[in-house]
């Protein structure tokens, strides 16, 4: 037997069985009668039924001799099965090589024991990033802070029961959707055995979509209870031309548990489940939030501490994207948008590539220029802002399929010199981004501490988010189309988080570049937010027109000479302590 090939075949067969959420198989060497295959599974299904199903799929020599039910499959940092930890999770069981009638009775006893004695839920430590967001969310209850939303249109037939069952199937498989927080003893993540998925369907004209969206955002979540994701379906009026029915889908989730990449992973799983009639078929094994927590706990922070203690230049950085102004008298979250058409966006990408940079790097350069301009500083100065990183460039196998909060915000600090070439600023931002990539799992709070800054010395007051989601599967969308279903790409509504201003950027279906400033209206009035995002778009259009590599920062800023200054109120005293560091 070729262990690698044959065990892979056994594992694939196990994962295809209904009710199996995860599995691991290995060959036991030192047992009576020679080698035999042993299977560990995360399932509540009767083990005898699983054995019977495997016997119909596999040759007899590949059917595991022993089956063990475990709460999860522990992984090593490299993504391989942690065999000692798995053994510690395994309860003694009768020998499953016994004759079938005895084996079936034993399996029924095991199932009864599992159903009646689950014990307390498993817990894992929260990550440093989750800890920061959790404290901030608890300090701003009822405001919709850190509550994120995606919305899109579903054209074609939509079976509500099947839709709900498909999402429930995803929840049953994904630990993160059954997790909640306990902040009185840790804080820690509590991993529950079951969590229901809330799906509500509204008839056409029964509710205004934008009002529903805002109400659902402000409703928030009870972070002590599992189920930090829910969905609303809003029927649209029947098309006058007799076209397919259309439903608007609103997905609301809490950022303390999930990031945008994770939701795109979950959406792909949901589509697979919907196509399968509402039940998620078996799939490739991947790590979950427990394995990420274990990986994180095993990291030596010394290199990261050494890097960040010297990576941020001494001195106070300019962090406000606007000049100080009066109180706005407003509250809530605002959103202002600007767009570069496809031709301007293509020109920007080509220009950035000619400078050995990326479109995201060009956006960072434009934002750095706006920070510098807002301060009205005559000479060179440090500017600082936050940038998001996916958090999935770590040495954990299949981490790109791991749903959880891995996306992170890191401080970007760079010196802006009006006499220096814009291309030099681009290169410095590019090099710094490469340096940050090795430490994308470190939290902003840890970085602030290691940098030696005082608590009141902020490293960033704005955040750039170049939206990064998992590429959708053409195969899934073709399969949906075969059932008369067309699904739009989800659009993020934007959320107020730790930063008073977040600049979101994404490419739209026409290959244009959409910029959205999501802002705290108590700090930045709507008109000022519109001016700010408009000036950023103007800079992005002007940068490719600059003369070669000799154009200076001052030349770039001259494009905004006729633009009014953007004003921003100071942080209210009641929230100053929760400002990002």
Protein backbone atom coordinates (compact mmCIF):
# COMPACT_ATOMS: atom_id res chain seq x y z
CA UNK A 1 0.00 0.00 0.00
CA UNK A 2 1.24 3.51 -0.87
CA UNK A 3 0.25 5.22 2.35
CA UNK A 4 0.11 8.73 0.94
CA UNK A 5 -2.09 7.86 -2.06
CA UNK A 6 -4.30 5.30 -0.36
CA UNK A 7 -4.85 7.37 2.76
CA UNK A 8 -5.77 10.33 0.60
CA UNK A 9 -8.40 8.17 -1.06
CA UNK A 10 -9.79 7.11 2.33
CA UNK A 11 -9.82 10.69 3.58
CA UNK A 12 -11.66 11.92 0.47
CA UNK A 13 -14.27 9.17 0.91
CA UNK A 14 -14.76 10.09 4.57
CA UNK A 15 -15.18 13.79 3.80
CA UNK A 16 -17.81 12.99 1.15
CA UNK A 17 -20.10 11.39 3.73
CA UNK A 18 -23.05 13.44 5.03
CA UNK A 19 -22.50 14.71 8.56
CA UNK A 20 -18.69 14.45 8.53
CA UNK A 21 -17.26 17.91 9.23
CA UNK A 22 -13.59 16.91 9.38
CA UNK A 23 -11.50 13.76 9.42
CA UNK A 24 -7.98 12.39 9.72
CA UNK A 25 -6.67 8.95 8.83
CA UNK A 26 -3.39 7.22 9.54
CA UNK A 27 -1.86 3.77 9.47
CA UNK A 28 -1.33 2.16 12.91
CA UNK A 29 1.87 0.16 12.71
CA UNK A 30 2.42 -1.69 16.00
CA UNK A 31 -0.86 -3.55 16.34
CA UNK A 32 -1.76 -7.26 16.34
CA UNK A 33 -2.20 -8.56 12.84
CA UNK A 34 0.04 -5.92 11.22
CA UNK A 35 -0.80 -2.46 9.91
CA UNK A 36 -4.34 -1.17 9.85
CA UNK A 37 -6.07 2.09 9.00
CA UNK A 38 -7.50 4.19 11.81
CA UNK A 39 -9.96 7.04 11.23
CA UNK A 40 -10.80 10.01 13.47
CA UNK A 41 -13.87 12.03 12.57
CA UNK A 42 -15.71 15.15 13.66
CA UNK A 43 -19.29 13.96 13.33
CA UNK A 44 -22.48 13.21 15.19
CA UNK A 45 -23.59 10.57 12.68
CA UNK A 46 -23.69 6.92 13.85
CA UNK A 47 -20.27 5.44 13.20
CA UNK A 48 -21.80 2.16 12.06
CA UNK A 49 -23.64 4.01 9.28
CA UNK A 50 -20.43 5.70 8.20
CA UNK A 51 -18.65 2.35 8.11
CA UNK A 52 -21.41 0.88 5.97
CA UNK A 53 -21.23 3.82 3.59
CA UNK A 54 -17.45 3.43 3.23
CA UNK A 55 -17.80 -0.30 2.61
CA UNK A 56 -19.93 0.56 -0.43
CA UNK A 57 -17.29 2.99 -1.76
CA UNK A 58 -13.90 1.46 -0.94
CA UNK A 59 -12.17 -1.88 -1.29
CA UNK A 60 -12.31 -3.85 1.94
CA UNK A 61 -8.61 -3.32 2.69
CA UNK A 62 -9.13 0.47 2.69
CA UNK A 63 -12.09 0.52 5.08
CA UNK A 64 -10.68 1.71 8.42
CA UNK A 65 -10.44 -0.96 11.08
CA UNK A 66 -11.13 1.55 13.85
CA UNK A 67 -13.27 4.68 13.96
CA UNK A 68 -12.97 7.37 16.62
CA UNK A 69 -15.26 10.33 17.22
CA UNK A 70 -13.35 13.49 18.27
CA UNK A 71 -14.43 17.14 18.85
CA UNK A 72 -11.94 18.45 16.30
CA UNK A 73 -8.82 17.52 14.34
CA UNK A 74 -5.82 19.35 15.85
CA UNK A 75 -3.15 20.56 13.47
CA UNK A 76 0.52 21.41 13.79
CA UNK A 77 1.76 24.85 12.66
CA UNK A 78 2.63 23.35 9.26
CA UNK A 79 -0.96 22.13 8.79
CA UNK A 80 -0.27 18.43 9.35
CA UNK A 81 -2.25 16.44 11.90
CA UNK A 82 -0.98 16.78 15.46
CA UNK A 83 -0.99 13.07 16.30
CA UNK A 84 -0.17 13.37 20.04
CA UNK A 85 -2.91 15.97 20.50
CA UNK A 86 -5.31 13.79 18.51
CA UNK A 87 -4.51 10.82 20.73
CA UNK A 88 -5.26 12.93 23.81
CA UNK A 89 -8.71 13.72 22.38
CA UNK A 90 -9.48 10.08 21.65
CA UNK A 91 -11.64 8.19 24.13
CA UNK A 92 -11.08 4.44 24.63
CA UNK A 93 -13.51 2.51 22.45
CA UNK A 94 -14.31 -1.16 21.88
CA UNK A 95 -12.34 -2.84 19.09
CA UNK A 96 -14.16 -2.00 15.88
CA UNK A 97 -12.67 -5.08 14.19
CA UNK A 98 -15.20 -7.13 16.13
CA UNK A 99 -18.10 -8.75 14.20
CA UNK A 100 -20.63 -6.33 12.79
CA UNK A 101 -23.55 -6.93 15.20
CA UNK A 102 -21.37 -6.27 18.23
CA UNK A 103 -19.74 -3.33 16.51
CA UNK A 104 -23.10 -1.71 15.69
CA UNK A 105 -24.32 -2.02 19.27
CA UNK A 106 -21.11 -0.48 20.53
CA UNK A 107 -21.40 2.41 18.07
CA UNK A 108 -24.97 3.10 19.20
CA UNK A 109 -23.74 3.27 22.78
CA UNK A 110 -21.04 5.72 21.77
CA UNK A 111 -23.62 7.89 20.01
CA UNK A 112 -25.90 7.89 23.05
CA UNK A 113 -22.99 8.94 25.25
CA UNK A 114 -22.04 11.74 22.83
CA UNK A 115 -25.61 13.03 22.72
CA UNK A 116 -26.14 13.01 26.49
CA UNK A 117 -22.73 14.05 27.81
CA UNK A 118 -21.26 16.79 25.66
CA UNK A 119 -19.53 18.48 28.59
CA UNK A 120 -18.64 22.18 28.60
CA UNK A 121 -17.90 23.80 25.24
CA UNK A 122 -14.30 23.97 24.11
CA UNK A 123 -12.60 27.36 24.39
CA UNK A 124 -9.52 28.97 22.84
CA UNK A 125 -7.83 32.31 23.59
CA UNK A 126 -8.85 35.32 21.52
CA UNK A 127 -6.19 36.82 19.30
CA UNK A 128 -4.63 40.17 20.26
CA UNK A 129 -6.49 41.78 17.34
CA UNK A 130 -9.81 40.31 18.50
CA UNK A 131 -9.10 41.52 22.03
CA UNK A 132 -8.71 45.11 20.78
CA UNK A 133 -11.87 44.99 18.68
CA UNK A 134 -13.86 43.27 21.42
CA UNK A 135 -13.04 45.96 23.97
CA UNK A 136 -13.95 48.67 21.48
CA UNK A 137 -17.21 46.95 20.52
CA UNK A 138 -18.22 46.61 24.17
CA UNK A 139 -17.46 50.30 24.73
CA UNK A 140 -19.76 51.27 21.83
CA UNK A 141 -22.77 49.00 22.28
CA UNK A 142 -25.80 49.92 20.21
CA UNK A 143 -23.86 51.96 17.64
CA UNK A 144 -23.34 49.31 14.98
CA UNK A 145 -19.58 49.66 15.37
CA UNK A 146 -17.66 46.76 13.76
CA UNK A 147 -20.90 45.37 12.28
CA UNK A 148 -20.25 44.74 8.60
CA UNK A 149 -22.69 44.11 5.78
CA UNK A 150 -22.65 42.76 2.25
CA UNK A 151 -25.55 42.97 -0.15
CA UNK A 152 -26.26 41.66 -3.64
CA UNK A 153 -29.08 40.64 -5.97
CA UNK A 154 -30.16 37.05 -6.58
CA UNK A 155 -32.04 36.64 -9.87
CA UNK A 156 -34.01 33.48 -10.49
CA UNK A 157 -35.77 30.98 -8.22
CA UNK A 158 -34.89 31.13 -4.51
CA UNK A 159 -36.25 28.41 -2.21
CA UNK A 160 -36.23 29.88 1.32
CA UNK A 161 -36.13 26.49 3.07
CA UNK A 162 -33.29 25.30 0.86
CA UNK A 163 -31.48 28.63 1.32
CA UNK A 164 -31.78 28.37 5.12
CA UNK A 165 -30.78 24.70 5.19
CA UNK A 166 -27.71 25.46 3.08
CA UNK A 167 -26.55 28.17 5.48
CA UNK A 168 -27.27 25.91 8.45
CA UNK A 169 -25.15 23.23 6.82
CA UNK A 170 -22.28 25.72 6.53
CA UNK A 171 -22.71 26.65 10.20
CA UNK A 172 -22.65 23.00 11.22
CA UNK A 173 -19.33 22.57 9.44
CA UNK A 174 -17.60 25.86 10.29
CA UNK A 175 -16.49 26.32 13.89
CA UNK A 176 -16.30 30.11 13.51
CA UNK A 177 -20.05 30.34 12.92
CA UNK A 178 -20.69 28.52 16.20
CA UNK A 179 -18.31 30.65 18.27
CA UNK A 180 -19.07 33.32 20.87
CA UNK A 181 -17.09 35.32 23.42
CA UNK A 182 -16.62 34.98 27.15
CA UNK A 183 -14.85 38.12 28.40
CA UNK A 184 -15.15 37.42 32.09
CA UNK A 185 -12.56 34.68 32.19
CA UNK A 186 -9.98 35.54 29.58
CA UNK A 187 -11.42 36.73 27.31
CA UNK A 188 -11.83 33.52 25.32
CA UNK A 189 -13.67 32.18 22.31
CA UNK A 190 -16.32 29.64 23.27
CA UNK A 191 -16.89 27.03 20.57
CA UNK A 192 -20.44 25.71 20.71
CA UNK A 193 -21.68 22.46 19.26
CA UNK A 194 -24.61 24.08 17.45
CA UNK A 195 -25.76 27.53 16.37
CA UNK A 196 -28.82 28.36 14.34
CA UNK A 197 -28.60 30.66 11.32
CA UNK A 198 -31.19 33.43 11.22
CA UNK A 199 -32.76 33.95 7.78
CA UNK A 200 -35.75 36.28 7.36
CA UNK A 201 -37.59 36.82 4.07
CA UNK A 202 -39.55 40.03 3.48
CA UNK A 203 -42.29 40.32 0.82
CA UNK A 204 -42.04 42.85 -1.99
CA UNK A 205 -42.79 46.41 -0.80
CA UNK A 206 -42.91 45.11 2.75
CA UNK A 207 -39.78 46.97 3.83
CA UNK A 208 -37.43 49.64 2.49
CA UNK A 209 -34.07 47.99 1.88
CA UNK A 210 -31.90 50.88 3.08
CA UNK A 211 -33.97 51.28 6.24
CA UNK A 212 -33.70 47.55 6.88
CA UNK A 213 -29.95 47.65 6.33
CA UNK A 214 -29.42 50.47 8.81
CA UNK A 215 -31.78 48.94 11.38
CA UNK A 216 -30.05 45.58 11.12
CA UNK A 217 -26.64 47.21 11.52
CA UNK A 218 -27.68 49.09 14.65
CA UNK A 219 -29.27 45.94 16.05
CA UNK A 220 -25.79 44.49 16.31
CA UNK A 221 -25.08 41.15 17.97
CA UNK A 222 -24.92 39.68 21.44
CA UNK A 223 -21.27 38.64 21.39
CA UNK A 224 -21.89 36.17 24.22
CA UNK A 225 -24.09 34.05 21.97
CA UNK A 226 -23.05 32.07 18.87
CA UNK A 227 -24.42 33.04 15.51
CA UNK A 228 -22.61 36.27 14.63
CA UNK A 229 -23.90 36.17 11.06
CA UNK A 230 -27.48 36.53 9.78
CA UNK A 231 -29.32 37.13 6.51
CA UNK A 232 -32.32 39.06 5.26
CA UNK A 233 -34.01 38.40 1.93
CA UNK A 234 -36.06 41.19 0.38
CA UNK A 235 -38.26 40.34 -2.61
CA UNK A 236 -38.34 42.96 -5.34
CA UNK A 237 -41.49 43.62 -7.41
CA UNK A 238 -42.03 41.27 -10.33
CA UNK A 239 -40.29 42.60 -13.45
CA UNK A 240 -42.67 44.21 -15.90
CA UNK A 241 -40.88 42.53 -18.82
CA UNK A 242 -41.50 39.06 -17.41
CA UNK A 243 -37.85 38.52 -16.53
CA UNK A 244 -36.64 36.36 -13.64
CA UNK A 245 -37.68 37.16 -10.08
CA UNK A 246 -35.17 39.18 -8.08
CA UNK A 247 -34.33 39.06 -4.39
CA UNK A 248 -31.95 41.41 -2.58
CA UNK A 249 -29.78 39.59 -0.09
CA UNK A 250 -28.37 41.34 2.99
CA UNK A 251 -25.70 39.50 4.95
CA UNK A 252 -24.77 41.07 8.30
CA UNK A 253 -21.83 39.87 10.39
CA UNK A 254 -19.52 41.05 13.16
CA UNK A 255 -15.96 41.92 12.20
CA UNK A 256 -14.59 40.70 15.54
CA UNK A 257 -15.22 37.17 14.26
CA UNK A 258 -14.94 37.36 10.45
CA UNK A 259 -13.18 39.37 7.76
CA UNK A 260 -14.23 39.96 4.16
CA UNK A 261 -12.07 37.15 2.76
CA UNK A 262 -13.69 34.71 5.20
CA UNK A 263 -17.19 35.66 4.11
CA UNK A 264 -16.27 35.05 0.47
CA UNK A 265 -15.08 31.56 1.51
CA UNK A 266 -18.35 30.95 3.36
CA UNK A 267 -20.37 32.16 0.37
CA UNK A 268 -18.68 29.60 -1.86
CA UNK A 269 -19.53 26.88 0.67
CA UNK A 270 -23.12 28.12 0.80
CA UNK A 271 -23.45 27.97 -2.98
CA UNK A 272 -22.13 24.40 -2.97
CA UNK A 273 -24.65 23.48 -0.29
CA UNK A 274 -27.54 25.18 -2.13
CA UNK A 275 -26.68 23.35 -5.34
CA UNK A 276 -26.63 20.09 -3.37
CA UNK A 277 -30.19 20.64 -2.15
CA UNK A 278 -29.34 22.41 1.09
CA UNK A 279 -26.74 20.05 2.51
CA UNK A 280 -23.04 20.77 2.24
CA UNK A 281 -21.26 17.85 0.57
CA UNK A 282 -17.90 16.69 1.83
CA UNK A 283 -14.91 18.73 0.80
CA UNK A 284 -11.22 19.30 1.33
CA UNK A 285 -10.11 19.42 4.92
CA UNK A 286 -8.78 22.75 6.10
CA UNK A 287 -7.67 24.32 9.42
CA UNK A 288 -10.15 26.31 11.50
CA UNK A 289 -9.95 29.05 14.13
CA UNK A 290 -8.62 26.63 16.77
CA UNK A 291 -5.66 25.78 14.62
CA UNK A 292 -5.00 29.45 13.91
CA UNK A 293 -5.12 30.18 17.65
CA UNK A 294 -2.64 27.37 18.28
CA UNK A 295 -0.38 28.60 15.46
CA UNK A 296 -0.47 32.14 16.85
CA UNK A 297 0.34 30.96 20.38
CA UNK A 298 3.39 29.13 19.06
CA UNK A 299 4.93 32.21 17.42
CA UNK A 300 8.04 33.79 18.89
CA UNK A 301 7.29 37.52 19.01
CA UNK A 302 10.93 38.49 19.55
CA UNK A 303 11.73 39.09 15.83
CA UNK A 304 8.50 41.08 15.44
CA UNK A 305 9.30 43.14 18.53
CA UNK A 306 12.81 43.83 17.24
CA UNK A 307 11.46 44.86 13.84
CA UNK A 308 8.77 47.21 15.08
CA UNK A 309 10.97 48.80 17.72
CA UNK A 310 13.09 50.19 14.88
CA UNK A 311 10.76 50.17 11.84
CA UNK A 312 8.85 53.31 12.82
CA UNK A 313 11.11 56.38 12.58
CA UNK A 314 11.41 58.58 15.69
CA UNK A 315 9.25 61.66 15.87
CA UNK A 316 5.56 62.40 15.73
CA UNK A 317 3.84 61.47 12.49
CA UNK A 318 1.14 63.52 10.78
CA UNK A 319 -1.91 61.28 10.97
CA UNK A 320 -4.96 63.48 10.29
CA UNK A 321 -6.23 63.57 6.68
CA UNK A 322 -7.77 67.01 7.29
CA UNK A 323 -6.99 70.23 9.10
CA UNK A 324 -8.51 70.72 12.58
CA UNK A 325 -12.01 72.16 12.40
CA UNK A 326 -15.12 72.85 14.49
CA UNK A 327 -17.53 70.24 15.81
CA UNK A 328 -19.75 68.86 13.08
CA UNK A 329 -22.89 68.51 15.21
CA UNK A 330 -23.53 65.19 13.45
CA UNK A 331 -23.53 61.56 14.52
CA UNK A 332 -23.51 58.12 12.95
CA UNK A 333 -21.54 56.73 10.03
CA UNK A 334 -21.31 58.37 6.61
CA UNK A 335 -20.11 57.22 3.23
CA UNK A 336 -18.82 59.32 0.34
CA UNK A 337 -17.79 57.85 -3.01
CA UNK A 338 -15.75 58.76 -6.07
CA UNK A 339 -14.87 56.68 -9.09
CA UNK A 340 -12.11 56.46 -11.65
CA UNK A 341 -13.48 55.23 -14.96
CA UNK A 342 -11.94 52.21 -16.63
CA UNK A 343 -9.63 54.32 -18.84
CA UNK A 344 -8.23 56.32 -15.89
CA UNK A 345 -7.95 53.18 -13.77
CA UNK A 346 -6.06 51.35 -16.52
CA UNK A 347 -3.71 54.31 -16.90
CA UNK A 348 -3.07 54.35 -13.13
CA UNK A 349 -2.26 50.62 -13.07
CA UNK A 350 0.09 50.95 -16.04
CA UNK A 351 1.86 53.92 -14.45
CA UNK A 352 2.25 52.13 -11.11
CA UNK A 353 3.61 49.04 -12.87
CA UNK A 354 6.14 51.17 -14.76
CA UNK A 355 7.36 52.34 -11.33
CA UNK A 356 7.62 48.74 -10.07
CA UNK A 357 4.64 49.39 -7.81
CA UNK A 358 1.00 48.33 -7.59
CA UNK A 359 -2.34 50.06 -7.82
CA UNK A 360 -2.63 49.74 -4.03
CA UNK A 361 0.79 51.38 -3.68
CA UNK A 362 -0.36 54.29 -5.85
CA UNK A 363 -3.39 54.73 -3.60
CA UNK A 364 -1.15 54.78 -0.52
CA UNK A 365 1.06 57.42 -2.15
CA UNK A 366 -1.97 59.62 -2.92
CA UNK A 367 -3.20 59.27 0.67
CA UNK A 368 0.25 60.12 2.06
CA UNK A 369 0.18 63.29 -0.05
CA UNK A 370 -3.22 64.25 1.37
CA UNK A 371 -1.98 63.77 4.94
CA UNK A 372 1.04 65.91 4.21
CA UNK A 373 -1.09 68.63 2.57
CA UNK A 374 -3.54 68.73 5.50
CA UNK A 375 -0.76 69.57 7.96
CA UNK A 376 0.50 72.58 5.93
CA UNK A 377 4.08 71.66 6.74
CA UNK A 378 6.72 73.44 4.61
CA UNK A 379 9.49 70.84 4.73
CA UNK A 380 9.89 67.04 4.93
CA UNK A 381 7.66 65.31 7.47
CA UNK A 382 6.57 61.87 8.61
CA UNK A 383 3.02 60.81 7.80
CA UNK A 384 1.25 57.78 9.20
CA UNK A 385 -1.83 55.79 8.25
CA UNK A 386 -3.08 52.24 8.54
CA UNK A 387 -3.10 49.65 5.77
CA UNK A 388 -4.91 46.35 5.75
CA UNK A 389 -3.09 43.10 5.11
CA UNK A 390 -4.86 39.78 4.41
CA UNK A 391 -3.13 37.95 7.27
CA UNK A 392 -3.02 34.76 5.23
CA UNK A 393 0.62 34.80 4.18
CA UNK A 394 1.55 32.61 7.13
CA UNK A 395 2.98 29.08 7.32
CA UNK A 396 -0.31 27.33 8.00
CA UNK A 397 -1.42 24.89 5.32
CA UNK A 398 -4.63 25.86 3.48
CA UNK A 399 -4.93 29.07 5.49
CA UNK A 400 -6.51 30.72 2.45
CA UNK A 401 -9.61 28.59 3.11
CA UNK A 402 -9.74 29.38 6.83
CA UNK A 403 -12.73 31.53 7.88
CA UNK A 404 -11.98 33.86 10.79
CA UNK A 405 -10.51 37.24 11.60
CA UNK A 406 -7.07 37.17 9.99
CA UNK A 407 -7.18 40.42 8.03
CA UNK A 408 -5.21 42.97 10.02
CA UNK A 409 -4.41 46.67 10.12
CA UNK A 410 -0.75 47.68 10.32
CA UNK A 411 0.77 51.15 10.57
CA UNK A 412 2.47 52.60 7.51
CA UNK A 413 4.86 55.44 8.33
CA UNK A 414 6.79 57.18 5.57
CA UNK A 415 8.65 60.46 5.13
CA UNK A 416 7.17 62.85 2.57
CA UNK A 417 9.62 65.35 1.10
CA UNK A 418 8.15 67.98 -1.24
CA UNK A 419 11.44 68.16 -3.15
CA UNK A 420 11.73 64.36 -3.64
CA UNK A 421 10.44 62.48 -6.66
CA UNK A 422 7.01 60.89 -6.44
CA UNK A 423 8.57 57.68 -7.73
CA UNK A 424 10.84 57.66 -4.67
CA UNK A 425 7.81 57.89 -2.40
CA UNK A 426 6.25 54.98 -4.30
CA UNK A 427 9.42 52.90 -3.89
CA UNK A 428 9.61 53.58 -0.15
CA UNK A 429 5.98 52.55 0.31
CA UNK A 430 6.59 49.39 -1.75
CA UNK A 431 9.67 48.41 0.27
CA UNK A 432 7.92 49.06 3.57
CA UNK A 433 4.95 46.95 2.49
CA UNK A 434 7.32 44.07 1.75
CA UNK A 435 8.86 44.43 5.21
CA UNK A 436 5.42 44.38 6.85
CA UNK A 437 4.47 41.14 5.13
CA UNK A 438 6.54 39.08 7.56
CA UNK A 439 4.56 40.39 10.54
CA UNK A 440 0.99 40.64 9.29
CA UNK A 441 -0.24 38.58 12.27
CA UNK A 442 0.87 41.18 14.86
CA UNK A 443 -1.80 43.50 16.28
CA UNK A 444 -1.71 47.29 16.13
CA UNK A 445 -1.72 47.45 19.94
CA UNK A 446 1.37 45.25 20.16
CA UNK A 447 3.13 47.39 17.57
CA UNK A 448 2.35 50.59 19.43
CA UNK A 449 3.79 49.13 22.62
CA UNK A 450 6.93 47.81 20.94
CA UNK A 451 7.55 51.09 19.10
CA UNK A 452 7.98 52.85 22.45
CA UNK A 453 5.34 55.47 21.66
CA UNK A 454 3.31 57.14 24.39
CA UNK A 455 -0.36 56.17 24.63
CA UNK A 456 -1.43 59.53 23.21
CA UNK A 457 0.97 59.33 20.24
CA UNK A 458 -1.20 57.81 17.54
CA UNK A 459 0.37 55.87 14.70
CA UNK A 460 -2.71 56.19 12.49
CA UNK A 461 -6.06 57.95 12.36
CA UNK A 462 -7.11 56.64 8.96
CA UNK A 463 -7.10 53.26 7.27
CA UNK A 464 -6.75 52.22 3.63
CA UNK A 465 -8.63 49.05 2.70
CA UNK A 466 -8.00 47.71 -0.78
CA UNK A 467 -10.78 45.14 -0.74
CA UNK A 468 -9.34 41.66 -1.02
CA UNK A 469 -11.79 38.80 -1.41
CA UNK A 470 -11.43 35.23 -2.58
CA UNK A 471 -11.94 34.98 -6.34
CA UNK A 472 -15.34 33.56 -7.09
CA UNK A 473 -15.63 30.11 -8.62
CA UNK A 474 -16.72 30.17 -12.24
CA UNK A 475 -17.76 26.54 -11.89
CA UNK A 476 -20.18 27.34 -9.07
CA UNK A 477 -21.72 30.23 -10.95
CA UNK A 478 -22.10 28.08 -14.07
CA UNK A 479 -23.86 25.44 -11.99
CA UNK A 480 -26.17 28.11 -10.52
CA UNK A 481 -26.86 29.42 -14.03
CA UNK A 482 -27.88 25.91 -15.08
CA UNK A 483 -30.65 26.18 -12.45
CA UNK A 484 -31.74 29.58 -13.77
CA UNK A 485 -29.94 31.53 -11.02
CA UNK A 486 -27.71 34.58 -11.45
CA UNK A 487 -25.92 36.08 -8.45
CA UNK A 488 -24.28 39.51 -8.43
CA UNK A 489 -20.88 40.02 -6.79
CA UNK A 490 -21.48 41.14 -3.18
CA UNK A 491 -20.93 44.79 -2.37
CA UNK A 492 -19.63 45.93 1.01
CA UNK A 493 -21.69 48.62 2.73
CA UNK A 494 -18.73 49.84 4.79
CA UNK A 495 -18.45 49.92 8.56
CA UNK A 496 -17.18 52.27 11.21
CA UNK A 497 -14.38 50.66 13.15
CA UNK A 498 -11.40 51.86 15.15
CA UNK A 499 -10.51 54.63 12.69
CA UNK A 500 -12.52 57.84 12.18
CA UNK A 501 -11.89 57.57 8.42
CA UNK A 502 -11.46 54.43 6.32
CA UNK A 503 -10.79 54.63 2.61
CA UNK A 504 -12.17 51.59 0.82
CA UNK A 505 -11.14 50.78 -2.74
CA UNK A 506 -12.27 48.08 -5.11
CA UNK A 507 -12.52 47.37 -8.81
CA UNK A 508 -16.07 47.26 -10.13
CA UNK A 509 -17.53 45.04 -12.84
CA UNK A 510 -16.59 47.63 -15.49
CA UNK A 511 -12.95 47.59 -14.31
CA UNK A 512 -13.18 51.06 -12.83
CA UNK A 513 -11.73 51.94 -9.44
CA UNK A 514 -14.30 52.86 -6.79
CA UNK A 515 -13.20 54.82 -3.73
CA UNK A 516 -15.41 55.13 -0.65
CA UNK A 517 -14.64 57.13 2.48
CA UNK A 518 -16.50 55.56 5.41
CA UNK A 519 -16.35 58.13 8.18
CA UNK A 520 -17.45 59.03 11.68
CA UNK A 521 -19.79 61.95 11.06
CA UNK A 522 -18.99 63.38 14.50
CA UNK A 523 -15.42 63.88 13.25
CA UNK A 524 -15.83 64.45 9.51
CA UNK A 525 -18.91 66.12 8.05
CA UNK A 526 -20.48 64.69 4.91
CA UNK A 527 -19.36 67.57 2.68
CA UNK A 528 -15.79 67.29 3.92
CA UNK A 529 -15.78 63.53 3.35
CA UNK A 530 -16.97 64.12 -0.22
CA UNK A 531 -14.17 66.65 -0.77
CA UNK A 532 -11.58 64.31 0.72
CA UNK A 533 -12.43 61.30 -1.44
CA UNK A 534 -12.78 63.57 -4.47
CA UNK A 535 -9.30 65.01 -3.94
CA UNK A 536 -7.88 61.51 -3.60
CA UNK A 537 -9.49 60.51 -6.91
CA UNK A 538 -8.13 63.68 -8.55
CA UNK A 539 -4.60 62.87 -7.42
CA UNK A 540 -4.92 59.33 -8.80
CA UNK A 541 -5.92 60.76 -12.18
CA UNK A 542 -3.06 63.28 -12.15
CA UNK A 543 -0.19 61.02 -11.02
CA UNK A 544 0.16 59.16 -14.37
CA UNK A 545 0.34 62.52 -16.18
CA UNK A 546 3.43 63.68 -14.29
CA UNK A 547 6.61 63.97 -16.31
CA UNK A 548 8.56 60.76 -15.99
CA UNK A 549 10.50 60.00 -12.84
CA UNK A 550 11.56 63.59 -12.21
CA UNK A 551 8.18 64.91 -11.02
CA UNK A 552 8.29 65.87 -7.36
CA UNK A 553 5.82 65.64 -4.52
CA UNK A 554 5.35 69.41 -4.84
CA UNK A 555 4.47 68.94 -8.53
CA UNK A 556 1.80 66.37 -7.60
CA UNK A 557 0.33 68.56 -4.87
CA UNK A 558 0.08 71.47 -7.29
CA UNK A 559 -2.84 69.62 -8.88
CA UNK A 560 -4.83 70.40 -5.72
CA UNK A 561 -3.89 74.09 -5.50
CA UNK A 562 -7.46 75.19 -6.25
CA UNK A 563 -9.07 72.64 -3.95
CA UNK A 564 -10.58 73.80 -0.61
CA UNK A 565 -9.13 72.46 2.62
CA UNK A 566 -10.88 69.53 4.29
CA UNK A 567 -11.70 70.09 7.97
CA UNK A 568 -12.02 67.52 10.71
CA UNK A 569 -13.27 67.87 14.30
CA UNK A 570 -11.21 66.71 17.23
CA UNK A 571 -12.12 63.46 18.94
CA UNK A 572 -14.77 63.87 21.67
CA UNK A 573 -13.27 63.47 25.13
CA UNK A 574 -15.55 60.49 25.86
CA UNK A 575 -14.07 58.49 22.98
CA UNK A 576 -10.51 59.75 22.89
CA UNK A 577 -9.28 56.78 24.90
CA UNK A 578 -10.60 54.35 22.29
CA UNK A 579 -8.90 55.99 19.33
CA UNK A 580 -6.62 53.66 17.37
CA UNK A 581 -2.98 53.67 18.27
